[in-house]
Amino acid sequence: MKYKLIAMDLDGTLNNDEKKITPRTRQALMRAQEQGIRLVLASARPGPGLNRESRVLDLAAHRGIHMAYNGGRITDAATGETLFETSMPFELAREVLRHLEHFPVTPILDDGRQFYVHDRTAYKVEYECRNNEMECTEVDNLAEFLSFSPIKILMSGKEEELPSLMEEIGRPFRDSLSVVMTAPFYLEIIPKEINKGQGLLDVCRVCGVDPACAIAFGDAQNDIPMIRAAGLGVAMGNACRELKEAADLVTLSNNEDGIAQVLEELGI
């Protein structure tokens, strides 16, 4: 089969633990682009959070795609044009923010340009701002401040507490919203129709590519739908157990050039 598209999660997949794309992995992906294969950066991050990796891989010159917010916003890397977007209804988002005030989590809101928080010194706020190259503004109350329909609401919390909070946080909104864990210290609330699998299908539709001709790489629970939607779903060696079980194959870890290993074995 001639693969035409490669979709990749960022942290824990494309990036090593130092948040860098290694020379071997970059070389393999640049070689793929030279063959006409389109690259898709598929992340839970907001749009600006994909720019660093996009620059390293020169996606703008190779018709690359940014899939931000777990597929909630899909953009052309060259033009910045939004190709597809799904957001949360305004009043529902405000209700969610009020609900989160009763839990030991720190909501982190963004409008695609900057972050908004109640306390910028709270757990993992500075980390998120730095990782996405976005500014952060403090507001008195996020629910009262909200004036737009967000694609997602991120929240940080202690790793030992978040898993037990997921069900209770999501229970009032289970008919319309999903709660997903995107890192051991992050939960996200997103519209039910948003997931990386649907995002990959949307990218394939926009690009005129059969999903069977797509390869997807991931490591976390939110990557599982994308792994299942692709013709070849690959779990990194450091991936969670659930993703490894869903994948077609398991490669080396993100610190061992797992992406490059697969592409080299496929002759790409």
C-alpha atoms as a PDB file:
ATOM      1  CA  MET A   1       0.000   0.000   0.000  1.00  0.00           C
ATOM      2  CA  LYS A   2       1.237   3.501  -0.797  1.00  0.00           C
ATOM      3  CA  TYR A   3       0.775   5.636   2.310  1.00  0.00           C
ATOM      4  CA  LYS A   4      -0.163   9.250   1.643  1.00  0.00           C
ATOM      5  CA  LEU A   5      -0.535  10.766   5.105  1.00  0.00           C
ATOM      6  CA  ILE A   6       1.195  10.449   8.502  1.00  0.00           C
ATOM      7  CA  ALA A   7      -0.554  11.764  11.622  1.00  0.00           C
ATOM      8  CA  MET A   8       1.411  12.125  14.839  1.00  0.00           C
ATOM      9  CA  ASP A   9       0.743  13.092  18.415  1.00  0.00           C
ATOM     10  CA  LEU A  10       3.416  15.433  19.789  1.00  0.00           C
ATOM     11  CA  ASP A  11       4.416  14.933  23.423  1.00  0.00           C
ATOM     12  CA  GLY A  12       5.436  11.361  24.118  1.00  0.00           C
ATOM     13  CA  THR A  13       5.318  10.514  20.412  1.00  0.00           C
ATOM     14  CA  LEU A  14       6.973  12.921  17.968  1.00  0.00           C
ATOM     15  CA  ASN A  15       8.925  14.659  20.737  1.00  0.00           C
ATOM     16  CA  ASN A  16      11.319  12.880  23.044  1.00  0.00           C
ATOM     17  CA  ASP A  17      11.161  13.513  26.773  1.00  0.00           C
ATOM     18  CA  GLU A  18      13.226  16.685  26.291  1.00  0.00           C
ATOM     19  CA  LYS A  19      10.413  18.062  24.072  1.00  0.00           C
ATOM     20  CA  LYS A  20      12.612  17.786  20.981  1.00  0.00           C
ATOM     21  CA  ILE A  21      12.360  16.061  17.604  1.00  0.00           C
ATOM     22  CA  THR A  22      15.539  14.003  17.251  1.00  0.00           C
ATOM     23  CA  PRO A  23      17.683  14.269  14.096  1.00  0.00           C
ATOM     24  CA  ARG A  24      16.862  10.713  12.996  1.00  0.00           C
ATOM     25  CA  THR A  25      13.112  11.211  13.360  1.00  0.00           C
ATOM     26  CA  ARG A  26      13.248  14.575  11.597  1.00  0.00           C
ATOM     27  CA  GLN A  27      15.241  13.072   8.733  1.00  0.00           C
ATOM     28  CA  ALA A  28      12.723  10.241   8.318  1.00  0.00           C
ATOM     29  CA  LEU A  29       9.790  12.658   8.245  1.00  0.00           C
ATOM     30  CA  MET A  30      11.480  15.064   5.856  1.00  0.00           C
ATOM     31  CA  ARG A  31      12.175  12.109   3.572  1.00  0.00           C
ATOM     32  CA  ALA A  32       8.484  11.181   3.732  1.00  0.00           C
ATOM     33  CA  GLN A  33       7.473  14.719   2.752  1.00  0.00           C
ATOM     34  CA  GLU A  34       9.886  14.654  -0.182  1.00  0.00           C
ATOM     35  CA  GLN A  35       7.936  11.606  -1.404  1.00  0.00           C
ATOM     36  CA  GLY A  36       4.713  13.619  -1.308  1.00  0.00           C
ATOM     37  CA  ILE A  37       3.401  12.198   1.967  1.00  0.00           C
ATOM     38  CA  ARG A  38       1.562  14.860   3.980  1.00  0.00           C
ATOM     39  CA  LEU A  39       2.285  15.231   7.683  1.00  0.00           C
ATOM     40  CA  VAL A  40      -0.388  15.980  10.278  1.00  0.00           C
ATOM     41  CA  LEU A  41       0.484  17.265  13.745  1.00  0.00           C
ATOM     42  CA  ALA A  42      -2.328  15.896  15.910  1.00  0.00           C
ATOM     43  CA  SER A  43      -2.414  17.340  19.401  1.00  0.00           C
ATOM     44  CA  ALA A  44      -4.656  18.370  22.253  1.00  0.00           C
ATOM     45  CA  ARG A  45      -2.741  21.673  22.266  1.00  0.00           C
ATOM     46  CA  PRO A  46      -4.220  24.942  20.970  1.00  0.00           C
ATOM     47  CA  GLY A  47      -3.159  25.999  17.494  1.00  0.00           C
ATOM     48  CA  PRO A  48      -0.101  28.100  18.491  1.00  0.00           C
ATOM     49  CA  GLY A  49       1.215  25.110  20.435  1.00  0.00           C
ATOM     50  CA  LEU A  50       1.889  23.266  17.174  1.00  0.00           C
ATOM     51  CA  ASN A  51       4.005  25.997  15.593  1.00  0.00           C
ATOM     52  CA  ARG A  52       7.359  24.952  17.044  1.00  0.00           C
ATOM     53  CA  GLU A  53       7.216  21.393  15.700  1.00  0.00           C
ATOM     54  CA  SER A  54       5.715  22.657  12.462  1.00  0.00           C
ATOM     55  CA  ARG A  55       8.721  24.903  11.909  1.00  0.00           C
ATOM     56  CA  VAL A  56      11.196  22.116  12.651  1.00  0.00           C
ATOM     57  CA  LEU A  57       9.527  19.881  10.045  1.00  0.00           C
ATOM     58  CA  ASP A  58       8.907  22.730   7.574  1.00  0.00           C
ATOM     59  CA  LEU A  59       5.251  21.780   7.209  1.00  0.00           C
ATOM     60  CA  ALA A  60       4.360  25.074   5.539  1.00  0.00           C
ATOM     61  CA  ALA A  61       6.479  24.166   2.523  1.00  0.00           C
ATOM     62  CA  HIS A  62       5.114  20.620   2.271  1.00  0.00           C
ATOM     63  CA  ARG A  63       1.325  21.071   2.487  1.00  0.00           C
ATOM     64  CA  GLY A  64       1.236  19.952   6.121  1.00  0.00           C
ATOM     65  CA  ILE A  65      -1.797  20.053   8.396  1.00  0.00           C
ATOM     66  CA  HIS A  66      -2.287  21.173  11.998  1.00  0.00           C
ATOM     67  CA  MET A  67      -4.904  19.206  13.948  1.00  0.00           C
ATOM     68  CA  ALA A  68      -5.267  21.140  17.223  1.00  0.00           C
ATOM     69  CA  TYR A  69      -7.620  20.616  20.189  1.00  0.00           C
ATOM     70  CA  ASN A  70      -7.814  16.834  19.572  1.00  0.00           C
ATOM     71  CA  GLY A  71      -9.279  17.550  16.139  1.00  0.00           C
ATOM     72  CA  GLY A  72     -11.489  20.460  17.180  1.00  0.00           C
ATOM     73  CA  ARG A  73      -9.675  22.809  14.805  1.00  0.00           C
ATOM     74  CA  ILE A  74      -7.907  21.728  11.607  1.00  0.00           C
ATOM     75  CA  THR A  75      -5.778  24.270   9.744  1.00  0.00           C
ATOM     76  CA  ASP A  76      -3.523  24.494   6.709  1.00  0.00           C
ATOM     77  CA  ALA A  77       0.075  24.854   7.932  1.00  0.00           C
ATOM     78  CA  ALA A  78       1.019  27.081   4.993  1.00  0.00           C
ATOM     79  CA  THR A  79      -1.864  29.543   4.943  1.00  0.00           C
ATOM     80  CA  GLY A  80      -3.275  29.296   8.462  1.00  0.00           C
ATOM     81  CA  GLU A  81      -6.712  28.765   6.910  1.00  0.00           C
ATOM     82  CA  THR A  82      -9.170  26.924   9.155  1.00  0.00           C
ATOM     83  CA  LEU A  83     -10.388  23.872   7.253  1.00  0.00           C
ATOM     84  CA  PHE A  84     -12.705  22.512   9.946  1.00  0.00           C
ATOM     85  CA  GLU A  85     -13.759  23.557  13.463  1.00  0.00           C
ATOM     86  CA  THR A  86     -16.098  22.438  16.249  1.00  0.00           C
ATOM     87  CA  SER A  87     -16.624  24.479  19.422  1.00  0.00           C
ATOM     88  CA  MET A  88     -18.553  24.204  22.683  1.00  0.00           C
ATOM     89  CA  PRO A  89     -21.841  26.142  23.031  1.00  0.00           C
ATOM     90  CA  PHE A  90     -21.233  29.348  24.988  1.00  0.00           C
ATOM     91  CA  GLU A  91     -23.757  28.821  27.795  1.00  0.00           C
ATOM     92  CA  LEU A  92     -22.696  25.205  28.241  1.00  0.00           C
ATOM     93  CA  ALA A  93     -19.055  26.278  28.547  1.00  0.00           C
ATOM     94  CA  ARG A  94     -19.992  28.804  31.234  1.00  0.00           C
ATOM     95  CA  GLU A  95     -21.912  26.092  33.106  1.00  0.00           C
ATOM     96  CA  VAL A  96     -18.866  23.814  32.966  1.00  0.00           C
ATOM     97  CA  LEU A  97     -16.596  26.527  34.366  1.00  0.00           C
ATOM     98  CA  ARG A  98     -18.962  27.099  37.283  1.00  0.00           C
ATOM     99  CA  HIS A  99     -19.121  23.344  37.892  1.00  0.00           C
ATOM    100  CA  LEU A 100     -15.311  23.097  38.021  1.00  0.00           C
ATOM    101  CA  GLU A 101     -15.169  25.625  40.856  1.00  0.00           C
ATOM    102  CA  HIS A 102     -16.223  22.778  43.178  1.00  0.00           C
ATOM    103  CA  PHE A 103     -13.237  20.533  42.345  1.00  0.00           C
ATOM    104  CA  PRO A 104      -9.502  20.605  43.207  1.00  0.00           C
ATOM    105  CA  VAL A 105      -8.490  21.423  39.635  1.00  0.00           C
ATOM    106  CA  THR A 106      -7.195  24.514  37.845  1.00  0.00           C
ATOM    107  CA  PRO A 107      -9.209  25.367  34.704  1.00  0.00           C
ATOM    108  CA  ILE A 108      -7.094  26.784  31.874  1.00  0.00           C
ATOM    109  CA  LEU A 109      -9.106  28.504  29.155  1.00  0.00           C
ATOM    110  CA  ASP A 110      -7.879  29.739  25.777  1.00  0.00           C
ATOM    111  CA  ASP A 111      -9.269  31.633  22.795  1.00  0.00           C
ATOM    112  CA  GLY A 112      -6.656  30.399  20.326  1.00  0.00           C
ATOM    113  CA  ARG A 113      -4.367  33.343  21.059  1.00  0.00           C
ATOM    114  CA  GLN A 114      -3.695  33.287  24.802  1.00  0.00           C
ATOM    115  CA  PHE A 115      -4.589  31.481  28.026  1.00  0.00           C
ATOM    116  CA  TYR A 116      -6.872  32.739  30.809  1.00  0.00           C
ATOM    117  CA  VAL A 117      -6.652  31.481  34.389  1.00  0.00           C
ATOM    118  CA  HIS A 118      -7.692  32.554  37.858  1.00  0.00           C
ATOM    119  CA  ASP A 119      -4.167  32.024  39.228  1.00  0.00           C
ATOM    120  CA  ARG A 120      -1.174  31.918  36.898  1.00  0.00           C
ATOM    121  CA  THR A 121       0.986  30.401  39.678  1.00  0.00           C
ATOM    122  CA  ALA A 122      -1.301  27.364  39.977  1.00  0.00           C
ATOM    123  CA  TYR A 123      -0.170  23.835  39.177  1.00  0.00           C
ATOM    124  CA  LYS A 124       1.137  23.373  35.602  1.00  0.00           C
ATOM    125  CA  VAL A 125      -0.125  26.751  34.341  1.00  0.00           C
ATOM    126  CA  GLU A 126       3.338  28.111  33.569  1.00  0.00           C
ATOM    127  CA  TYR A 127       4.274  24.778  31.996  1.00  0.00           C
ATOM    128  CA  GLU A 128       1.284  24.937  29.650  1.00  0.00           C
ATOM    129  CA  CYS A 129       1.987  28.527  28.623  1.00  0.00           C
ATOM    130  CA  ARG A 130       5.640  27.803  27.918  1.00  0.00           C
ATOM    131  CA  ASN A 131       4.924  24.573  26.053  1.00  0.00           C
ATOM    132  CA  ASN A 132       2.464  26.338  23.742  1.00  0.00           C
ATOM    133  CA  GLU A 133       4.401  29.604  23.373  1.00  0.00           C
ATOM    134  CA  MET A 134       1.300  31.539  24.528  1.00  0.00           C
ATOM    135  CA  GLU A 135       0.789  34.389  26.971  1.00  0.00           C
ATOM    136  CA  CYS A 136      -1.346  33.967  30.087  1.00  0.00           C
ATOM    137  CA  THR A 137      -3.805  36.479  31.588  1.00  0.00           C
ATOM    138  CA  GLU A 138      -5.297  36.305  35.072  1.00  0.00           C
ATOM    139  CA  VAL A 139      -9.011  37.009  35.489  1.00  0.00           C
ATOM    140  CA  ASP A 140     -11.142  37.136  38.634  1.00  0.00           C
ATOM    141  CA  ASN A 141     -13.645  34.489  37.565  1.00  0.00           C
ATOM    142  CA  LEU A 142     -13.454  32.443  34.360  1.00  0.00           C
ATOM    143  CA  ALA A 143     -17.193  31.812  34.108  1.00  0.00           C
ATOM    144  CA  GLU A 144     -17.975  35.521  34.349  1.00  0.00           C
ATOM    145  CA  PHE A 145     -15.096  36.446  32.055  1.00  0.00           C
ATOM    146  CA  LEU A 146     -16.079  34.066  29.255  1.00  0.00           C
ATOM    147  CA  SER A 147     -17.187  35.899  26.101  1.00  0.00           C
ATOM    148  CA  PHE A 148     -16.536  33.278  23.401  1.00  0.00           C
ATOM    149  CA  SER A 149     -17.316  29.638  22.616  1.00  0.00           C
ATOM    150  CA  PRO A 150     -14.193  27.613  23.472  1.00  0.00           C
ATOM    151  CA  ILE A 151     -13.245  24.422  21.692  1.00  0.00           C
ATOM    152  CA  LYS A 152     -12.106  22.844  24.948  1.00  0.00           C
ATOM    153  CA  ILE A 153     -11.644  23.540  28.641  1.00  0.00           C
ATOM    154  CA  LEU A 154      -8.369  22.262  30.032  1.00  0.00           C
ATOM    155  CA  MET A 155      -7.786  21.590  33.709  1.00  0.00           C
ATOM    156  CA  SER A 156      -4.661  20.639  35.627  1.00  0.00           C
ATOM    157  CA  GLY A 157      -4.550  18.678  38.847  1.00  0.00           C
ATOM    158  CA  LYS A 158      -2.507  16.336  40.985  1.00  0.00           C
ATOM    159  CA  GLU A 159      -1.755  13.079  39.195  1.00  0.00           C
ATOM    160  CA  GLU A 160      -3.020  10.949  42.072  1.00  0.00           C
ATOM    161  CA  GLU A 161      -6.372  12.788  42.151  1.00  0.00           C
ATOM    162  CA  LEU A 162      -7.416  13.277  38.513  1.00  0.00           C
ATOM    163  CA  PRO A 163      -8.418   9.694  37.570  1.00  0.00           C
ATOM    164  CA  SER A 164     -10.945   9.522  40.395  1.00  0.00           C
ATOM    165  CA  LEU A 165     -12.381  12.944  39.490  1.00  0.00           C
ATOM    166  CA  MET A 166     -13.070  12.248  35.803  1.00  0.00           C
ATOM    167  CA  GLU A 167     -16.465  10.612  36.194  1.00  0.00           C
ATOM    168  CA  GLU A 168     -17.816  13.111  38.719  1.00  0.00           C
ATOM    169  CA  ILE A 169     -16.638  16.103  36.703  1.00  0.00           C
ATOM    170  CA  GLY A 170     -18.208  14.793  33.516  1.00  0.00           C
ATOM    171  CA  ARG A 171     -21.441  13.339  34.906  1.00  0.00           C
ATOM    172  CA  PRO A 172     -23.709  16.430  34.465  1.00  0.00           C
ATOM    173  CA  PHE A 173     -22.576  16.847  30.844  1.00  0.00           C
ATOM    174  CA  ARG A 174     -22.238  13.228  29.713  1.00  0.00           C
ATOM    175  CA  ASP A 175     -24.824  13.601  26.920  1.00  0.00           C
ATOM    176  CA  SER A 176     -22.920  16.356  25.118  1.00  0.00           C
ATOM    177  CA  LEU A 177     -19.350  16.523  26.406  1.00  0.00           C
ATOM    178  CA  SER A 178     -16.450  14.141  26.964  1.00  0.00           C
ATOM    179  CA  VAL A 179     -13.771  14.248  29.637  1.00  0.00           C
ATOM    180  CA  VAL A 180     -10.426  12.914  28.415  1.00  0.00           C
ATOM    181  CA  MET A 181      -7.020  12.554  30.050  1.00  0.00           C
ATOM    182  CA  THR A 182      -4.310  14.016  27.810  1.00  0.00           C
ATOM    183  CA  ALA A 183      -1.455  13.796  30.326  1.00  0.00           C
ATOM    184  CA  PRO A 184      -1.165  12.396  33.859  1.00  0.00           C
ATOM    185  CA  PHE A 185      -1.791  15.931  35.169  1.00  0.00           C
ATOM    186  CA  TYR A 186      -4.334  17.149  32.559  1.00  0.00           C
ATOM    187  CA  LEU A 187      -8.015  16.549  31.939  1.00  0.00           C
ATOM    188  CA  GLU A 188      -9.896  18.161  29.065  1.00  0.00           C
ATOM    189  CA  ILE A 189     -13.594  18.699  28.481  1.00  0.00           C
ATOM    190  CA  ILE A 190     -14.541  18.741  24.809  1.00  0.00           C
ATOM    191  CA  PRO A 191     -17.705  18.273  22.707  1.00  0.00           C
ATOM    192  CA  LYS A 192     -18.489  14.587  22.220  1.00  0.00           C
ATOM    193  CA  GLU A 193     -18.039  14.852  18.466  1.00  0.00           C
ATOM    194  CA  ILE A 194     -14.397  15.904  18.911  1.00  0.00           C
ATOM    195  CA  ASN A 195     -11.714  13.238  19.032  1.00  0.00           C
ATOM    196  CA  LYS A 196      -8.508  12.583  17.133  1.00  0.00           C
ATOM    197  CA  GLY A 197     -10.105   9.733  15.190  1.00  0.00           C
ATOM    198  CA  GLN A 198     -12.824  11.969  13.788  1.00  0.00           C
ATOM    199  CA  GLY A 199     -10.177  14.623  13.266  1.00  0.00           C
ATOM    200  CA  LEU A 200      -8.127  12.236  11.161  1.00  0.00           C
ATOM    201  CA  LEU A 201     -11.190  11.340   9.093  1.00  0.00           C
ATOM    202  CA  ASP A 202     -11.899  15.061   8.593  1.00  0.00           C
ATOM    203  CA  VAL A 203      -8.296  15.647   7.492  1.00  0.00           C
ATOM    204  CA  CYS A 204      -8.477  12.729   5.063  1.00  0.00           C
ATOM    205  CA  ARG A 205     -11.746  14.058   3.638  1.00  0.00           C
ATOM    206  CA  VAL A 206     -10.340  17.560   3.166  1.00  0.00           C
ATOM    207  CA  CYS A 207      -7.123  16.220   1.625  1.00  0.00           C
ATOM    208  CA  GLY A 208      -8.824  13.620  -0.561  1.00  0.00           C
ATOM    209  CA  VAL A 209      -6.981  10.726   1.099  1.00  0.00           C
ATOM    210  CA  ASP A 210      -8.430   7.301   1.881  1.00  0.00           C
ATOM    211  CA  PRO A 211      -7.989   6.728   5.669  1.00  0.00           C
ATOM    212  CA  ALA A 212      -6.625   3.292   4.773  1.00  0.00           C
ATOM    213  CA  CYS A 213      -3.635   5.155   3.304  1.00  0.00           C
ATOM    214  CA  ALA A 214      -2.904   6.958   6.588  1.00  0.00           C
ATOM    215  CA  ILE A 215      -0.425   6.044   9.319  1.00  0.00           C
ATOM    216  CA  ALA A 216      -1.029   7.303  12.861  1.00  0.00           C
ATOM    217  CA  PHE A 217       1.377   7.358  15.811  1.00  0.00           C
ATOM    218  CA  GLY A 218       0.392   7.962  19.447  1.00  0.00           C
ATOM    219  CA  ASP A 219       1.059   7.201  23.086  1.00  0.00           C
ATOM    220  CA  ALA A 220      -1.919   8.325  25.213  1.00  0.00           C
ATOM    221  CA  GLN A 221      -5.586   7.491  25.704  1.00  0.00           C
ATOM    222  CA  ASN A 222      -6.756  10.412  23.582  1.00  0.00           C
ATOM    223  CA  ASP A 223      -4.770   8.963  20.649  1.00  0.00           C
ATOM    224  CA  ILE A 224      -6.762   5.699  20.607  1.00  0.00           C
ATOM    225  CA  PRO A 225      -9.521   6.885  18.197  1.00  0.00           C
ATOM    226  CA  MET A 226      -6.862   8.130  15.768  1.00  0.00           C
ATOM    227  CA  ILE A 227      -4.938   4.855  15.954  1.00  0.00           C
ATOM    228  CA  ARG A 228      -8.127   2.966  15.163  1.00  0.00           C
ATOM    229  CA  ALA A 229      -9.140   5.286  12.313  1.00  0.00           C
ATOM    230  CA  ALA A 230      -5.852   4.989  10.430  1.00  0.00           C
ATOM    231  CA  GLY A 231      -4.954   2.264   7.997  1.00  0.00           C
ATOM    232  CA  LEU A 232      -1.883   1.597  10.134  1.00  0.00           C
ATOM    233  CA  GLY A 233      -2.125   2.532  13.807  1.00  0.00           C
ATOM    234  CA  VAL A 234       1.177   2.538  15.686  1.00  0.00           C
ATOM    235  CA  ALA A 235       1.698   2.707  19.449  1.00  0.00           C
ATOM    236  CA  MET A 236       4.948   4.071  20.799  1.00  0.00           C
ATOM    237  CA  GLY A 237       6.905   1.800  23.122  1.00  0.00           C
ATOM    238  CA  ASN A 238       6.099   4.192  25.970  1.00  0.00           C
ATOM    239  CA  ALA A 239       2.357   4.211  25.177  1.00  0.00           C
ATOM    240  CA  CYS A 240      -0.337   3.379  27.705  1.00  0.00           C
ATOM    241  CA  ARG A 241      -1.600  -0.208  27.792  1.00  0.00           C
ATOM    242  CA  GLU A 242      -4.989   0.632  26.256  1.00  0.00           C
ATOM    243  CA  LEU A 243      -3.396   2.232  23.201  1.00  0.00           C
ATOM    244  CA  LYS A 244      -0.987  -0.657  22.678  1.00  0.00           C
ATOM    245  CA  GLU A 245      -3.957  -3.028  22.688  1.00  0.00           C
ATOM    246  CA  ALA A 246      -5.753  -0.908  20.050  1.00  0.00           C
ATOM    247  CA  ALA A 247      -2.724  -0.516  17.755  1.00  0.00           C
ATOM    248  CA  ASP A 248      -1.741  -2.594  14.745  1.00  0.00           C
ATOM    249  CA  LEU A 249       1.846  -2.610  15.940  1.00  0.00           C
ATOM    250  CA  VAL A 250       4.060  -1.291  18.730  1.00  0.00           C
ATOM    251  CA  THR A 251       7.317   0.473  17.902  1.00  0.00           C
ATOM    252  CA  LEU A 252      10.198   1.769  19.998  1.00  0.00           C
ATOM    253  CA  SER A 253       9.668   4.589  22.477  1.00  0.00           C
ATOM    254  CA  ASN A 254       9.705   8.321  21.763  1.00  0.00           C
ATOM    255  CA  ASN A 255      13.252   8.417  23.155  1.00  0.00           C
ATOM    256  CA  GLU A 256      14.375   5.676  20.749  1.00  0.00           C
ATOM    257  CA  ASP A 257      13.144   7.141  17.428  1.00  0.00           C
ATOM    258  CA  GLY A 258      10.100   4.887  17.263  1.00  0.00           C
ATOM    259  CA  ILE A 259       8.543   6.864  14.400  1.00  0.00           C
ATOM    260  CA  ALA A 260      11.722   6.684  12.314  1.00  0.00           C
ATOM    261  CA  GLN A 261      12.016   2.968  12.995  1.00  0.00           C
ATOM    262  CA  VAL A 262       8.588   2.247  11.508  1.00  0.00           C
ATOM    263  CA  LEU A 263       9.048   4.509   8.480  1.00  0.00           C
ATOM    264  CA  GLU A 264      12.438   2.968   7.716  1.00  0.00           C
ATOM    265  CA  GLU A 265      11.012  -0.545   7.966  1.00  0.00           C
ATOM    266  CA  LEU A 266       8.210   0.465   5.564  1.00  0.00           C
ATOM    267  CA  GLY A 267      10.766   1.808   3.118  1.00  0.00           C
ATOM    268  CA  ILE A 268       9.443   5.357   3.338  1.00  0.00           C
END
